[in-house]
Amino acid sequence: MNDLNVTLESKITCPECGHSTVETMPTDACQWFYECTACNTVLKPLPGDCCVYCSYGTVACPPIQQGKRCCG
């Protein structure tokens, strides 16, 4: 997959309150923390995931979409 096929928006859903927000994922860094805009819970990646988008988003982060290591 090349850069043209990478989706940069992902809907991230808080496991605590269920609130969802569409966010633009960074292409140059992993996002290890995300604060829910509704309940202020700070989300961290689940074990085995590289970032909050891979754990709680509808789309995996750009490096994973490209078949690379996250932040590699």
PDB file of N, CA and C in Angstrom:
ATOM      1  N   MET A   1       0.855  -1.184   0.000  1.00  0.00           N
ATOM      2  CA  MET A   1       0.000   0.000   0.000  1.00  0.00           C
ATOM      3  C   MET A   1       0.892   1.236   0.000  1.00  0.00           C
ATOM      4  N   ASN A   2       0.564   2.215  -0.810  1.00  0.00           N
ATOM      5  CA  ASN A   2       1.368   3.440  -0.837  1.00  0.00           C
ATOM      6  C   ASN A   2       0.658   4.563  -0.098  1.00  0.00           C
ATOM      7  N   ASP A   3       1.318   5.703  -0.010  1.00  0.00           N
ATOM      8  CA  ASP A   3       0.769   6.831   0.749  1.00  0.00           C
ATOM      9  C   ASP A   3      -0.589   7.291   0.228  1.00  0.00           C
ATOM     10  N   LEU A   4      -0.856   7.094  -1.066  1.00  0.00           N
ATOM     11  CA  LEU A   4      -2.122   7.555  -1.637  1.00  0.00           C
ATOM     12  C   LEU A   4      -3.308   6.750  -1.117  1.00  0.00           C
ATOM     13  N   ASN A   5      -3.065   5.534  -0.637  1.00  0.00           N
ATOM     14  CA  ASN A   5      -4.142   4.685  -0.159  1.00  0.00           C
ATOM     15  C   ASN A   5      -4.292   4.696   1.358  1.00  0.00           C
ATOM     16  N   VAL A   6      -3.570   5.553   2.043  1.00  0.00           N
ATOM     17  CA  VAL A   6      -3.623   5.610   3.498  1.00  0.00           C
ATOM     18  C   VAL A   6      -4.771   6.508   3.934  1.00  0.00           C
ATOM     19  N   THR A   7      -5.599   5.981   4.823  1.00  0.00           N
ATOM     20  CA  THR A   7      -6.689   6.759   5.413  1.00  0.00           C
ATOM     21  C   THR A   7      -6.157   7.469   6.645  1.00  0.00           C
ATOM     22  N   LEU A   8      -6.350   8.780   6.714  1.00  0.00           N
ATOM     23  CA  LEU A   8      -5.819   9.556   7.837  1.00  0.00           C
ATOM     24  C   LEU A   8      -6.847   9.859   8.912  1.00  0.00           C
ATOM     25  N   GLU A   9      -8.122   9.624   8.627  1.00  0.00           N
ATOM     26  CA  GLU A   9      -9.150   9.880   9.633  1.00  0.00           C
ATOM     27  C   GLU A   9      -9.644   8.567  10.216  1.00  0.00           C
ATOM     28  N   SER A  10      -9.851   8.573  11.510  1.00  0.00           N
ATOM     29  CA  SER A  10     -10.342   7.400  12.222  1.00  0.00           C
ATOM     30  C   SER A  10     -11.315   7.877  13.293  1.00  0.00           C
ATOM     31  N   LYS A  11     -12.400   7.135  13.460  1.00  0.00           N
ATOM     32  CA  LYS A  11     -13.343   7.474  14.529  1.00  0.00           C
ATOM     33  C   LYS A  11     -12.916   6.708  15.773  1.00  0.00           C
ATOM     34  N   ILE A  12     -12.503   7.449  16.786  1.00  0.00           N
ATOM     35  CA  ILE A  12     -12.030   6.853  18.022  1.00  0.00           C
ATOM     36  C   ILE A  12     -13.188   6.859  19.028  1.00  0.00           C
ATOM     37  N   THR A  13     -13.413   5.716  19.682  1.00  0.00           N
ATOM     38  CA  THR A  13     -14.538   5.560  20.608  1.00  0.00           C
ATOM     39  C   THR A  13     -14.015   5.252  22.001  1.00  0.00           C
ATOM     40  N   CYS A  14     -14.457   6.027  22.960  1.00  0.00           N
ATOM     41  CA  CYS A  14     -14.052   5.848  24.347  1.00  0.00           C
ATOM     42  C   CYS A  14     -14.732   4.604  24.929  1.00  0.00           C
ATOM     43  N   PRO A  15     -13.956   3.685  25.499  1.00  0.00           N
ATOM     44  CA  PRO A  15     -14.552   2.485  26.090  1.00  0.00           C
ATOM     45  C   PRO A  15     -15.273   2.772  27.408  1.00  0.00           C
ATOM     46  N   GLU A  16     -15.005   3.928  28.003  1.00  0.00           N
ATOM     47  CA  GLU A  16     -15.635   4.274  29.278  1.00  0.00           C
ATOM     48  C   GLU A  16     -17.041   4.831  29.102  1.00  0.00           C
ATOM     49  N   CYS A  17     -17.197   5.790  28.180  1.00  0.00           N
ATOM     50  CA  CYS A  17     -18.504   6.451  28.040  1.00  0.00           C
ATOM     51  C   CYS A  17     -19.170   6.208  26.689  1.00  0.00           C
ATOM     52  N   GLY A  18     -18.420   5.657  25.720  1.00  0.00           N
ATOM     53  CA  GLY A  18     -18.991   5.367  24.408  1.00  0.00           C
ATOM     54  C   GLY A  18     -18.990   6.538  23.441  1.00  0.00           C
ATOM     55  N   HIS A  19     -18.456   7.683  23.857  1.00  0.00           N
ATOM     56  CA  HIS A  19     -18.400   8.854  22.981  1.00  0.00           C
ATOM     57  C   HIS A  19     -17.431   8.596  21.824  1.00  0.00           C
ATOM     58  N   SER A  20     -17.833   8.992  20.626  1.00  0.00           N
ATOM     59  CA  SER A  20     -16.989   8.826  19.438  1.00  0.00           C
ATOM     60  C   SER A  20     -16.680  10.168  18.809  1.00  0.00           C
ATOM     61  N   THR A  21     -15.459  10.309  18.313  1.00  0.00           N
ATOM     62  CA  THR A  21     -15.023  11.515  17.634  1.00  0.00           C
ATOM     63  C   THR A  21     -14.136  11.118  16.463  1.00  0.00           C
ATOM     64  N   VAL A  22     -14.337  11.764  15.316  1.00  0.00           N
ATOM     65  CA  VAL A  22     -13.464  11.535  14.172  1.00  0.00           C
ATOM     66  C   VAL A  22     -12.233  12.422  14.343  1.00  0.00           C
ATOM     67  N   GLU A  23     -11.074  11.803  14.301  1.00  0.00           N
ATOM     68  CA  GLU A  23      -9.808  12.505  14.477  1.00  0.00           C
ATOM     69  C   GLU A  23      -8.909  12.244  13.282  1.00  0.00           C
ATOM     70  N   THR A  24      -7.997  13.171  13.010  1.00  0.00           N
ATOM     71  CA  THR A  24      -6.977  12.984  11.986  1.00  0.00           C
ATOM     72  C   THR A  24      -5.740  12.420  12.663  1.00  0.00           C
ATOM     73  N   MET A  25      -5.276  11.281  12.173  1.00  0.00           N
ATOM     74  CA  MET A  25      -4.130  10.613  12.782  1.00  0.00           C
ATOM     75  C   MET A  25      -2.828  11.262  12.333  1.00  0.00           C
ATOM     76  N   PRO A  26      -1.851  11.343  13.233  1.00  0.00           N
ATOM     77  CA  PRO A  26      -0.543  11.855  12.834  1.00  0.00           C
ATOM     78  C   PRO A  26       0.145  10.849  11.921  1.00  0.00           C
ATOM     79  N   THR A  27       0.928  11.341  10.975  1.00  0.00           N
ATOM     80  CA  THR A  27       1.648  10.451  10.063  1.00  0.00           C
ATOM     81  C   THR A  27       3.105  10.288  10.469  1.00  0.00           C
ATOM     82  N   ASP A  28       3.570  11.109  11.409  1.00  0.00           N
ATOM     83  CA  ASP A  28       4.984  11.111  11.764  1.00  0.00           C
ATOM     84  C   ASP A  28       5.272  10.668  13.191  1.00  0.00           C
ATOM     85  N   ALA A  29       4.230  10.227  13.919  1.00  0.00           N
ATOM     86  CA  ALA A  29       4.427   9.799  15.302  1.00  0.00           C
ATOM     87  C   ALA A  29       3.251   8.957  15.754  1.00  0.00           C
ATOM     88  N   CYS A  30       3.503   8.098  16.732  1.00  0.00           N
ATOM     89  CA  CYS A  30       2.414   7.325  17.333  1.00  0.00           C
ATOM     90  C   CYS A  30       1.686   8.203  18.348  1.00  0.00           C
ATOM     91  N   GLN A  31       0.442   7.898  18.540  1.00  0.00           N
ATOM     92  CA  GLN A  31      -0.298   8.595  19.590  1.00  0.00           C
ATOM     93  C   GLN A  31      -0.585   7.574  20.686  1.00  0.00           C
ATOM     94  N   TRP A  32       0.164   7.699  21.786  1.00  0.00           N
ATOM     95  CA  TRP A  32       0.036   6.745  22.873  1.00  0.00           C
ATOM     96  C   TRP A  32      -1.033   7.136  23.878  1.00  0.00           C
ATOM     97  N   PHE A  33      -1.456   8.374  23.880  1.00  0.00           N
ATOM     98  CA  PHE A  33      -2.480   8.833  24.805  1.00  0.00           C
ATOM     99  C   PHE A  33      -3.522   9.621  24.042  1.00  0.00           C
ATOM    100  N   TYR A  34      -4.770   9.509  24.486  1.00  0.00           N
ATOM    101  CA  TYR A  34      -5.868  10.278  23.896  1.00  0.00           C
ATOM    102  C   TYR A  34      -6.845  10.574  25.015  1.00  0.00           C
ATOM    103  N   GLU A  35      -7.186  11.846  25.192  1.00  0.00           N
ATOM    104  CA  GLU A  35      -8.145  12.223  26.230  1.00  0.00           C
ATOM    105  C   GLU A  35      -9.520  12.365  25.605  1.00  0.00           C
ATOM    106  N   CYS A  36     -10.478  11.595  26.123  1.00  0.00           N
ATOM    107  CA  CYS A  36     -11.857  11.661  25.635  1.00  0.00           C
ATOM    108  C   CYS A  36     -12.404  13.067  25.870  1.00  0.00           C
ATOM    109  N   THR A  37     -13.007  13.630  24.840  1.00  0.00           N
ATOM    110  CA  THR A  37     -13.531  14.988  24.952  1.00  0.00           C
ATOM    111  C   THR A  37     -14.828  15.034  25.750  1.00  0.00           C
ATOM    112  N   ALA A  38     -15.451  13.878  25.996  1.00  0.00           N
ATOM    113  CA  ALA A  38     -16.705  13.853  26.745  1.00  0.00           C
ATOM    114  C   ALA A  38     -16.487  13.600  28.236  1.00  0.00           C
ATOM    115  N   CYS A  39     -15.699  12.569  28.583  1.00  0.00           N
ATOM    116  CA  CYS A  39     -15.552  12.202  29.996  1.00  0.00           C
ATOM    117  C   CYS A  39     -14.142  12.423  30.543  1.00  0.00           C
ATOM    118  N   ASN A  40     -13.225  12.881  29.690  1.00  0.00           N
ATOM    119  CA  ASN A  40     -11.837  13.176  30.068  1.00  0.00           C
ATOM    120  C   ASN A  40     -11.014  11.960  30.478  1.00  0.00           C
ATOM    121  N   THR A  41     -11.492  10.753  30.185  1.00  0.00           N
ATOM    122  CA  THR A  41     -10.695   9.556  30.424  1.00  0.00           C
ATOM    123  C   THR A  41      -9.510   9.573  29.466  1.00  0.00           C
ATOM    124  N   VAL A  42      -8.319   9.263  29.981  1.00  0.00           N
ATOM    125  CA  VAL A  42      -7.132   9.199  29.136  1.00  0.00           C
ATOM    126  C   VAL A  42      -6.965   7.751  28.671  1.00  0.00           C
ATOM    127  N   LEU A  43      -7.069   7.557  27.353  1.00  0.00           N
ATOM    128  CA  LEU A  43      -6.934   6.229  26.770  1.00  0.00           C
ATOM    129  C   LEU A  43      -5.481   5.946  26.448  1.00  0.00           C
ATOM    130  N   LYS A  44      -5.081   4.686  26.638  1.00  0.00           N
ATOM    131  CA  LYS A  44      -3.746   4.210  26.282  1.00  0.00           C
ATOM    132  C   LYS A  44      -3.935   2.971  25.414  1.00  0.00           C
ATOM    133  N   PRO A  45      -2.963   2.625  24.585  1.00  0.00           N
ATOM    134  CA  PRO A  45      -3.107   1.435  23.742  1.00  0.00           C
ATOM    135  C   PRO A  45      -3.316   0.167  24.571  1.00  0.00           C
ATOM    136  N   LEU A  46      -4.102  -0.743  24.028  1.00  0.00           N
ATOM    137  CA  LEU A  46      -4.280  -2.046  24.651  1.00  0.00           C
ATOM    138  C   LEU A  46      -3.010  -2.873  24.445  1.00  0.00           C
ATOM    139  N   PRO A  47      -2.765  -3.864  25.292  1.00  0.00           N
ATOM    140  CA  PRO A  47      -1.580  -4.712  25.104  1.00  0.00           C
ATOM    141  C   PRO A  47      -1.545  -5.297  23.685  1.00  0.00           C
ATOM    142  N   GLY A  48      -0.390  -5.183  23.045  1.00  0.00           N
ATOM    143  CA  GLY A  48      -0.227  -5.690  21.690  1.00  0.00           C
ATOM    144  C   GLY A  48      -0.493  -4.666  20.604  1.00  0.00           C
ATOM    145  N   ASP A  49      -1.113  -3.544  20.955  1.00  0.00           N
ATOM    146  CA  ASP A  49      -1.366  -2.475  19.983  1.00  0.00           C
ATOM    147  C   ASP A  49      -0.312  -1.397  20.135  1.00  0.00           C
ATOM    148  N   CYS A  50      -0.033  -0.694  19.022  1.00  0.00           N
ATOM    149  CA  CYS A  50       1.041   0.302  19.056  1.00  0.00           C
ATOM    150  C   CYS A  50       0.544   1.700  19.416  1.00  0.00           C
ATOM    151  N   CYS A  51      -0.755   1.965  19.246  1.00  0.00           N
ATOM    152  CA  CYS A  51      -1.249   3.311  19.522  1.00  0.00           C
ATOM    153  C   CYS A  51      -2.744   3.268  19.812  1.00  0.00           C
ATOM    154  N   VAL A  52      -3.293   4.393  20.235  1.00  0.00           N
ATOM    155  CA  VAL A  52      -4.713   4.433  20.591  1.00  0.00           C
ATOM    156  C   VAL A  52      -5.622   4.220  19.381  1.00  0.00           C
ATOM    157  N   TYR A  53      -5.156   4.578  18.180  1.00  0.00           N
ATOM    158  CA  TYR A  53      -5.983   4.362  16.988  1.00  0.00           C
ATOM    159  C   TYR A  53      -6.117   2.882  16.670  1.00  0.00           C
ATOM    160  N   CYS A  54      -5.051   2.121  16.894  1.00  0.00           N
ATOM    161  CA  CYS A  54      -5.120   0.678  16.659  1.00  0.00           C
ATOM    162  C   CYS A  54      -6.006  -0.002  17.700  1.00  0.00           C
ATOM    163  N   SER A  55      -6.121   0.577  18.886  1.00  0.00           N
ATOM    164  CA  SER A  55      -6.944  -0.011  19.944  1.00  0.00           C
ATOM    165  C   SER A  55      -8.399   0.442  19.896  1.00  0.00           C
ATOM    166  N   TYR A  56      -8.636   1.724  19.645  1.00  0.00           N
ATOM    167  CA  TYR A  56      -9.987   2.273  19.811  1.00  0.00           C
ATOM    168  C   TYR A  56     -10.553   2.928  18.557  1.00  0.00           C
ATOM    169  N   GLY A  57      -9.786   2.963  17.475  1.00  0.00           N
ATOM    170  CA  GLY A  57     -10.232   3.631  16.260  1.00  0.00           C
ATOM    171  C   GLY A  57     -10.856   2.675  15.254  1.00  0.00           C
ATOM    172  N   THR A  58     -11.523   3.251  14.275  1.00  0.00           N
ATOM    173  CA  THR A  58     -12.134   2.469  13.204  1.00  0.00           C
ATOM    174  C   THR A  58     -11.122   2.137  12.116  1.00  0.00           C
ATOM    175  N   VAL A  59      -9.980   2.846  12.107  1.00  0.00           N
ATOM    176  CA  VAL A  59      -8.929   2.640  11.109  1.00  0.00           C
ATOM    177  C   VAL A  59      -7.595   2.554  11.836  1.00  0.00           C
ATOM    178  N   ALA A  60      -6.768   1.587  11.456  1.00  0.00           N
ATOM    179  CA  ALA A  60      -5.439   1.463  12.052  1.00  0.00           C
ATOM    180  C   ALA A  60      -4.577   2.654  11.649  1.00  0.00           C
ATOM    181  N   CYS A  61      -3.524   2.904  12.419  1.00  0.00           N
ATOM    182  CA  CYS A  61      -2.635   4.040  12.147  1.00  0.00           C
ATOM    183  C   CYS A  61      -1.949   3.893  10.791  1.00  0.00           C
ATOM    184  N   PRO A  62      -1.487   5.010  10.207  1.00  0.00           N
ATOM    185  CA  PRO A  62      -0.873   4.977   8.878  1.00  0.00           C
ATOM    186  C   PRO A  62       0.256   3.951   8.695  1.00  0.00           C
ATOM    187  N   PRO A  63       1.225   3.821   9.625  1.00  0.00           N
ATOM    188  CA  PRO A  63       2.276   2.820   9.398  1.00  0.00           C
ATOM    189  C   PRO A  63       1.722   1.389   9.300  1.00  0.00           C
ATOM    190  N   ILE A  64       0.756   1.056  10.126  1.00  0.00           N
ATOM    191  CA  ILE A  64       0.161  -0.283  10.089  1.00  0.00           C
ATOM    192  C   ILE A  64      -0.588  -0.476   8.771  1.00  0.00           C
ATOM    193  N   GLN A  65      -1.295   0.559   8.307  1.00  0.00           N
ATOM    194  CA  GLN A  65      -1.980   0.471   7.020  1.00  0.00           C
ATOM    195  C   GLN A  65      -0.994   0.179   5.891  1.00  0.00           C
ATOM    196  N   GLN A  66       0.227   0.691   6.012  1.00  0.00           N
ATOM    197  CA  GLN A  66       1.246   0.510   4.984  1.00  0.00           C
ATOM    198  C   GLN A  66       2.038  -0.786   5.163  1.00  0.00           C
ATOM    199  N   GLY A  67       1.673  -1.572   6.177  1.00  0.00           N
ATOM    200  CA  GLY A  67       2.371  -2.828   6.403  1.00  0.00           C
ATOM    201  C   GLY A  67       3.718  -2.670   7.092  1.00  0.00           C
ATOM    202  N   LYS A  68       3.913  -1.540   7.754  1.00  0.00           N
ATOM    203  CA  LYS A  68       5.167  -1.266   8.463  1.00  0.00           C
ATOM    204  C   LYS A  68       4.937  -1.418   9.958  1.00  0.00           C
ATOM    205  N   ARG A  69       6.039  -1.377  10.703  1.00  0.00           N
ATOM    206  CA  ARG A  69       5.927  -1.299  12.151  1.00  0.00           C
ATOM    207  C   ARG A  69       5.431   0.099  12.505  1.00  0.00           C
ATOM    208  N   CYS A  70       4.629   0.180  13.503  1.00  0.00           N
ATOM    209  CA  CYS A  70       4.166   1.489  13.945  1.00  0.00           C
ATOM    210  C   CYS A  70       5.365   2.265  14.488  1.00  0.00           C
ATOM    211  N   CYS A  71       5.526   3.479  14.027  1.00  0.00           N
ATOM    212  CA  CYS A  71       6.607   4.367  14.468  1.00  0.00           C
ATOM    213  C   CYS A  71       7.977   3.800  14.192  1.00  0.00           C
ATOM    214  N   GLY A  72       8.078   2.917  13.219  1.00  0.00           N
ATOM    215  CA  GLY A  72       9.378   2.301  12.938  1.00  0.00           C
ATOM    216  C   GLY A  72      10.197   3.091  11.972  1.00  0.00           C
TER     217      GLY A  72
END
